[in-house]
N, C-alpha and C. Protein backbone atom coordinates (compact mmCIF):
# COMPACT_ATOMS: atom_id res chain seq x y z
N UNK A 1 142.85 21.32 33.88
CA UNK A 1 142.61 22.70 34.23
C UNK A 1 143.94 23.40 34.40
N UNK A 2 144.11 24.51 33.71
CA UNK A 2 145.38 25.21 33.79
C UNK A 2 145.31 26.30 34.86
N UNK A 3 146.46 26.60 35.36
CA UNK A 3 146.58 27.64 36.39
C UNK A 3 146.77 28.98 35.67
N UNK A 4 145.95 29.96 35.99
CA UNK A 4 146.11 31.25 35.32
C UNK A 4 147.44 31.90 35.72
N UNK A 5 148.06 32.52 34.77
CA UNK A 5 149.32 33.20 35.05
C UNK A 5 149.10 34.70 34.94
N UNK A 6 149.91 35.41 35.65
CA UNK A 6 149.84 36.86 35.57
C UNK A 6 151.07 37.35 34.82
N UNK A 7 150.93 38.39 34.03
CA UNK A 7 152.09 38.90 33.30
C UNK A 7 153.10 39.49 34.28
N UNK A 8 154.33 39.52 33.84
CA UNK A 8 155.38 40.12 34.68
C UNK A 8 155.05 41.58 34.92
N UNK A 9 155.19 41.98 36.14
CA UNK A 9 154.93 43.37 36.50
C UNK A 9 156.26 44.01 36.90
N UNK A 10 156.40 45.30 36.65
CA UNK A 10 157.66 45.95 36.99
C UNK A 10 157.86 46.01 38.50
N UNK A 11 159.11 45.97 38.90
CA UNK A 11 159.43 46.09 40.32
C UNK A 11 159.17 47.53 40.78
N UNK A 12 159.18 47.72 42.07
CA UNK A 12 158.96 49.06 42.62
C UNK A 12 160.04 50.02 42.12
N UNK A 13 161.29 49.54 42.06
CA UNK A 13 162.39 50.40 41.61
C UNK A 13 162.22 50.78 40.14
N UNK A 14 161.86 49.81 39.31
CA UNK A 14 161.66 50.10 37.89
C UNK A 14 160.50 51.07 37.69
N UNK A 15 159.45 50.87 38.45
CA UNK A 15 158.28 51.75 38.35
C UNK A 15 158.65 53.17 38.80
N UNK A 16 159.44 53.26 39.86
CA UNK A 16 159.87 54.57 40.37
C UNK A 16 160.75 55.30 39.36
N UNK A 17 161.67 54.56 38.73
CA UNK A 17 162.55 55.19 37.73
C UNK A 17 161.74 55.76 36.57
N UNK A 18 160.77 54.99 36.10
CA UNK A 18 159.93 55.47 35.00
C UNK A 18 159.13 56.70 35.43
N UNK A 19 158.61 56.69 36.64
CA UNK A 19 157.80 57.81 37.12
C UNK A 19 158.66 59.06 37.31
N UNK A 20 159.89 58.90 37.80
CA UNK A 20 160.77 60.06 37.96
C UNK A 20 161.14 60.63 36.59
N UNK A 21 161.40 59.75 35.62
CA UNK A 21 161.69 60.22 34.26
C UNK A 21 160.49 60.99 33.69
N UNK A 22 159.29 60.49 33.93
CA UNK A 22 158.09 61.19 33.48
C UNK A 22 157.93 62.54 34.18
N UNK A 23 158.27 62.58 35.46
CA UNK A 23 158.19 63.82 36.21
C UNK A 23 159.18 64.86 35.72
N UNK A 24 160.40 64.42 35.44
CA UNK A 24 161.42 65.34 34.92
C UNK A 24 161.00 65.87 33.55
N UNK A 25 160.47 65.00 32.73
CA UNK A 25 159.99 65.43 31.41
C UNK A 25 158.88 66.48 31.55
N UNK A 26 157.95 66.23 32.46
CA UNK A 26 156.89 67.19 32.70
C UNK A 26 157.40 68.51 33.24
N UNK A 27 158.39 68.44 34.13
CA UNK A 27 158.97 69.65 34.72
C UNK A 27 159.68 70.49 33.65
N UNK A 28 160.42 69.84 32.78
CA UNK A 28 161.13 70.56 31.71
C UNK A 28 160.13 71.20 30.75
N UNK A 29 159.12 70.45 30.37
CA UNK A 29 158.12 70.99 29.43
C UNK A 29 157.39 72.18 30.04
N UNK A 30 156.92 72.03 31.26
CA UNK A 30 156.18 73.12 31.90
C UNK A 30 157.09 74.31 32.21
N UNK A 31 158.30 74.02 32.64
CA UNK A 31 159.25 75.09 32.97
C UNK A 31 159.64 75.91 31.75
N UNK A 32 159.87 75.23 30.64
CA UNK A 32 160.26 75.97 29.43
C UNK A 32 159.10 76.81 28.91
N UNK A 33 157.89 76.28 29.02
CA UNK A 33 156.72 77.06 28.61
C UNK A 33 156.54 78.28 29.50
N UNK A 34 156.70 78.09 30.81
CA UNK A 34 156.56 79.21 31.74
C UNK A 34 157.66 80.25 31.53
N UNK A 35 158.87 79.79 31.23
CA UNK A 35 159.97 80.71 31.00
C UNK A 35 159.72 81.54 29.74
N UNK A 36 159.23 80.89 28.71
CA UNK A 36 158.90 81.60 27.46
C UNK A 36 157.83 82.66 27.72
N UNK A 37 156.83 82.28 28.49
CA UNK A 37 155.76 83.23 28.83
C UNK A 37 156.29 84.39 29.66
N UNK A 38 157.15 84.07 30.64
CA UNK A 38 157.68 85.11 31.52
C UNK A 38 158.58 86.08 30.77
N UNK A 39 159.28 85.59 29.77
CA UNK A 39 160.18 86.46 29.00
C UNK A 39 159.47 87.19 27.87
N UNK A 40 158.16 87.03 27.78
CA UNK A 40 157.38 87.67 26.72
C UNK A 40 157.50 89.19 26.73
N UNK A 41 157.65 89.77 27.90
CA UNK A 41 157.77 91.23 27.98
C UNK A 41 159.23 91.69 27.97
N UNK A 42 160.15 90.75 27.86
CA UNK A 42 161.57 91.10 27.74
C UNK A 42 162.34 91.16 29.04
N UNK A 43 161.68 90.95 30.17
CA UNK A 43 162.38 91.01 31.46
C UNK A 43 161.73 90.06 32.45
N UNK A 44 162.51 89.64 33.42
CA UNK A 44 161.98 88.79 34.49
C UNK A 44 161.75 89.62 35.74
N UNK A 45 160.62 89.40 36.38
CA UNK A 45 160.35 90.07 37.65
C UNK A 45 160.23 89.02 38.75
N UNK A 46 160.04 89.44 39.96
CA UNK A 46 159.91 88.51 41.08
C UNK A 46 158.72 87.58 40.93
N UNK A 47 157.63 88.12 40.43
CA UNK A 47 156.43 87.29 40.24
C UNK A 47 156.66 86.22 39.17
N UNK A 48 157.51 86.52 38.19
CA UNK A 48 157.81 85.54 37.15
C UNK A 48 158.54 84.34 37.73
N UNK A 49 159.36 84.57 38.72
CA UNK A 49 160.08 83.46 39.37
C UNK A 49 159.12 82.47 40.01
N UNK A 50 158.09 82.99 40.65
CA UNK A 50 157.09 82.11 41.26
C UNK A 50 156.28 81.37 40.20
N UNK A 51 156.01 82.03 39.09
CA UNK A 51 155.31 81.40 37.99
C UNK A 51 156.11 80.22 37.44
N UNK A 52 157.39 80.44 37.24
CA UNK A 52 158.26 79.38 36.70
C UNK A 52 158.40 78.24 37.69
N UNK A 53 158.65 78.58 38.96
CA UNK A 53 158.81 77.54 39.99
C UNK A 53 157.54 76.71 40.14
N UNK A 54 156.40 77.37 40.15
CA UNK A 54 155.13 76.66 40.26
C UNK A 54 154.87 75.74 39.08
N UNK A 55 155.22 76.21 37.89
CA UNK A 55 155.04 75.38 36.69
C UNK A 55 155.95 74.17 36.72
N UNK A 56 157.18 74.35 37.17
CA UNK A 56 158.12 73.23 37.23
C UNK A 56 157.65 72.19 38.24
N UNK A 57 157.27 72.62 39.41
CA UNK A 57 156.78 71.69 40.44
C UNK A 57 155.50 71.00 39.99
N UNK A 58 154.59 71.77 39.45
CA UNK A 58 153.33 71.20 38.97
C UNK A 58 153.54 70.23 37.81
N UNK A 59 154.44 70.60 36.89
CA UNK A 59 154.74 69.72 35.77
C UNK A 59 155.35 68.41 36.23
N UNK A 60 156.23 68.48 37.23
CA UNK A 60 156.82 67.25 37.77
C UNK A 60 155.74 66.38 38.40
N UNK A 61 154.89 66.99 39.19
CA UNK A 61 153.84 66.22 39.88
C UNK A 61 152.90 65.54 38.89
N UNK A 62 152.49 66.25 37.87
CA UNK A 62 151.58 65.68 36.88
C UNK A 62 152.27 64.57 36.08
N UNK A 63 153.51 64.81 35.67
CA UNK A 63 154.24 63.80 34.92
C UNK A 63 154.50 62.55 35.73
N UNK A 64 154.91 62.74 36.99
CA UNK A 64 155.19 61.60 37.88
C UNK A 64 153.92 60.79 38.11
N UNK A 65 152.84 61.46 38.47
CA UNK A 65 151.58 60.76 38.76
C UNK A 65 151.03 60.07 37.53
N UNK A 66 151.17 60.70 36.37
CA UNK A 66 150.66 60.10 35.15
C UNK A 66 151.37 58.81 34.80
N UNK A 67 152.69 58.78 34.94
CA UNK A 67 153.44 57.57 34.63
C UNK A 67 153.22 56.52 35.72
N UNK A 68 153.19 56.94 36.97
CA UNK A 68 153.00 56.00 38.08
C UNK A 68 151.67 55.28 37.95
N UNK A 69 150.64 56.00 37.56
CA UNK A 69 149.28 55.41 37.49
C UNK A 69 148.98 54.71 36.17
N UNK A 70 149.91 54.75 35.24
CA UNK A 70 149.67 54.11 33.94
C UNK A 70 149.41 52.61 34.12
N UNK A 71 148.40 52.08 33.44
CA UNK A 71 148.08 50.66 33.59
C UNK A 71 149.26 49.72 33.27
N UNK A 72 150.09 50.09 32.30
CA UNK A 72 151.23 49.24 31.94
C UNK A 72 152.29 49.24 33.03
N UNK A 73 152.22 50.18 33.95
CA UNK A 73 153.22 50.31 34.99
C UNK A 73 152.67 49.88 36.35
N UNK A 74 151.49 49.28 36.40
CA UNK A 74 150.84 48.94 37.66
C UNK A 74 151.43 47.68 38.28
N UNK A 75 151.43 47.66 39.58
CA UNK A 75 151.85 46.48 40.31
C UNK A 75 150.60 45.67 40.67
N UNK A 76 150.80 44.40 40.89
CA UNK A 76 149.69 43.51 41.21
C UNK A 76 148.93 43.91 42.38
């Protein structure tokens, strides 16, 4: 009878690095889209700043959570 083995799982630090990279990617993608939308009328207003900031924060959160929860990145 053989002993079942588990595949190597990434360490907490490796998992965190991947998740932060995913978050930064999401923040850049969302921020650039929001900036393009905000500049559609040719000028930035105060409300546009909140739109861009919200998109960047939201993009980071979604990217971070998506990579963190990925099955290939899961810890035992």
